[in-house]
Amino acid sequence: MSDILEYRYFTVYPEAIQPGRKTRDWRICARNGGSPLGRIEWYSAWRQYVLVPDEMTLWSVDCLTDIADAIKKIKETP
């Protein structure tokens, strides 16, 4: 898998693993202009990756489907 995940409306970029953590966070930016939309990060209480949307962002069903696909690909990353 390439490190960068591109979708119709947004792109998902990997970030450096923070000291003391085992998992990487992923930044989500709009394709038209690169505005930040949110993050995909590991939520240890649920032991899974989750979407953490930025305030005042809107997510369609198609976008959420793409987020689910991105999380699936992230989980498959060694």
C-alpha atoms as a PDB file:
ATOM      1  CA  MET A   1       0.000   0.000   0.000  1.00  0.00           C
ATOM      2  CA  SER A   2       1.199   3.483  -0.809  1.00  0.00           C
ATOM      3  CA  ASP A   3       1.511   5.718   2.224  1.00  0.00           C
ATOM      4  CA  ILE A   4      -0.899   8.277   0.755  1.00  0.00           C
ATOM      5  CA  LEU A   5      -4.523   7.255   0.196  1.00  0.00           C
ATOM      6  CA  GLU A   6      -6.420   9.246  -2.421  1.00  0.00           C
ATOM      7  CA  TYR A   7     -10.207   9.362  -2.688  1.00  0.00           C
ATOM      8  CA  ARG A   8     -12.678  11.410  -4.697  1.00  0.00           C
ATOM      9  CA  TYR A   9     -13.099  14.240  -2.181  1.00  0.00           C
ATOM     10  CA  PHE A  10     -10.134  13.888   0.177  1.00  0.00           C
ATOM     11  CA  THR A  11      -6.624  12.519   0.618  1.00  0.00           C
ATOM     12  CA  VAL A  12      -5.322  10.693   3.693  1.00  0.00           C
ATOM     13  CA  TYR A  13      -1.690  11.353   4.689  1.00  0.00           C
ATOM     14  CA  PRO A  14       0.366   9.399   7.242  1.00  0.00           C
ATOM     15  CA  GLU A  15       1.945  11.313  10.095  1.00  0.00           C
ATOM     16  CA  ALA A  16       5.053  10.420  12.068  1.00  0.00           C
ATOM     17  CA  ILE A  17       4.504   8.006  14.930  1.00  0.00           C
ATOM     18  CA  GLN A  18       4.531  10.013  18.157  1.00  0.00           C
ATOM     19  CA  PRO A  19       7.072   9.050  20.849  1.00  0.00           C
ATOM     20  CA  GLY A  20       5.694   6.390  23.175  1.00  0.00           C
ATOM     21  CA  ARG A  21       2.998   5.255  20.722  1.00  0.00           C
ATOM     22  CA  LYS A  22       2.832   2.166  18.545  1.00  0.00           C
ATOM     23  CA  THR A  23       0.367   3.433  15.959  1.00  0.00           C
ATOM     24  CA  ARG A  24       0.476   6.203  13.391  1.00  0.00           C
ATOM     25  CA  ASP A  25      -2.177   8.916  13.001  1.00  0.00           C
ATOM     26  CA  TRP A  26      -3.449   9.861   9.554  1.00  0.00           C
ATOM     27  CA  ARG A  27      -4.407  13.392   8.461  1.00  0.00           C
ATOM     28  CA  ILE A  28      -7.412  13.880   6.161  1.00  0.00           C
ATOM     29  CA  CYS A  29      -7.353  16.876   3.786  1.00  0.00           C
ATOM     30  CA  ALA A  30      -9.811  18.042   1.125  1.00  0.00           C
ATOM     31  CA  ARG A  31      -8.679  17.444  -2.439  1.00  0.00           C
ATOM     32  CA  ASN A  32      -9.808  20.917  -3.537  1.00  0.00           C
ATOM     33  CA  GLY A  33      -7.385  23.136  -1.684  1.00  0.00           C
ATOM     34  CA  GLY A  34      -6.070  20.830   1.016  1.00  0.00           C
ATOM     35  CA  SER A  35      -8.217  22.146   3.868  1.00  0.00           C
ATOM     36  CA  PRO A  36      -7.948  19.896   6.936  1.00  0.00           C
ATOM     37  CA  LEU A  37     -11.023  17.738   7.540  1.00  0.00           C
ATOM     38  CA  GLY A  38      -9.989  15.482  10.406  1.00  0.00           C
ATOM     39  CA  ARG A  39      -7.869  12.537  11.424  1.00  0.00           C
ATOM     40  CA  ILE A  40      -7.902   8.785  11.584  1.00  0.00           C
ATOM     41  CA  GLU A  41      -6.310   7.663  14.827  1.00  0.00           C
ATOM     42  CA  TRP A  42      -6.074   4.650  17.097  1.00  0.00           C
ATOM     43  CA  TYR A  43      -8.601   4.734  19.949  1.00  0.00           C
ATOM     44  CA  SER A  44      -7.189   2.417  22.589  1.00  0.00           C
ATOM     45  CA  ALA A  45     -10.420   2.170  24.629  1.00  0.00           C
ATOM     46  CA  TRP A  46     -12.104   0.494  21.630  1.00  0.00           C
ATOM     47  CA  ARG A  47      -8.880  -1.068  20.271  1.00  0.00           C
ATOM     48  CA  GLN A  48      -9.559   0.196  16.767  1.00  0.00           C
ATOM     49  CA  TYR A  49      -8.996   3.101  14.411  1.00  0.00           C
ATOM     50  CA  VAL A  50     -11.641   5.843  14.424  1.00  0.00           C
ATOM     51  CA  LEU A  51     -12.485   8.999  12.501  1.00  0.00           C
ATOM     52  CA  VAL A  52     -11.964  12.184  14.486  1.00  0.00           C
ATOM     53  CA  PRO A  53     -13.563  14.874  12.297  1.00  0.00           C
ATOM     54  CA  ASP A  54     -12.591  18.519  12.611  1.00  0.00           C
ATOM     55  CA  GLU A  55     -15.294  20.886  13.845  1.00  0.00           C
ATOM     56  CA  MET A  56     -17.682  22.244  11.247  1.00  0.00           C
ATOM     57  CA  THR A  57     -16.993  19.493   8.700  1.00  0.00           C
ATOM     58  CA  LEU A  58     -19.713  17.600   6.864  1.00  0.00           C
ATOM     59  CA  TRP A  59     -19.474  13.953   5.842  1.00  0.00           C
ATOM     60  CA  SER A  60     -21.672  12.326   3.196  1.00  0.00           C
ATOM     61  CA  VAL A  61     -22.371   8.609   3.024  1.00  0.00           C
ATOM     62  CA  ASP A  62     -19.883   8.367   0.143  1.00  0.00           C
ATOM     63  CA  CYS A  63     -17.198  10.092   2.217  1.00  0.00           C
ATOM     64  CA  LEU A  64     -17.863   7.832   5.190  1.00  0.00           C
ATOM     65  CA  THR A  65     -17.655   4.791   2.919  1.00  0.00           C
ATOM     66  CA  ASP A  66     -14.254   6.039   1.744  1.00  0.00           C
ATOM     67  CA  ILE A  67     -13.173   6.577   5.364  1.00  0.00           C
ATOM     68  CA  ALA A  68     -14.149   2.972   6.129  1.00  0.00           C
ATOM     69  CA  ASP A  69     -12.056   1.857   3.142  1.00  0.00           C
ATOM     70  CA  ALA A  70      -9.097   3.960   4.323  1.00  0.00           C
ATOM     71  CA  ILE A  71      -9.304   2.427   7.816  1.00  0.00           C
ATOM     72  CA  LYS A  72      -9.408  -1.046   6.288  1.00  0.00           C
ATOM     73  CA  LYS A  73      -6.256  -0.279   4.270  1.00  0.00           C
ATOM     74  CA  ILE A  74      -4.537   1.262   7.298  1.00  0.00           C
ATOM     75  CA  LYS A  75      -5.255  -1.871   9.338  1.00  0.00           C
ATOM     76  CA  GLU A  76      -3.674  -4.001   6.595  1.00  0.00           C
ATOM     77  CA  THR A  77      -0.477  -1.930   6.678  1.00  0.00           C
ATOM     78  CA  PRO A  78       2.409  -3.750   8.378  1.00  0.00           C
END
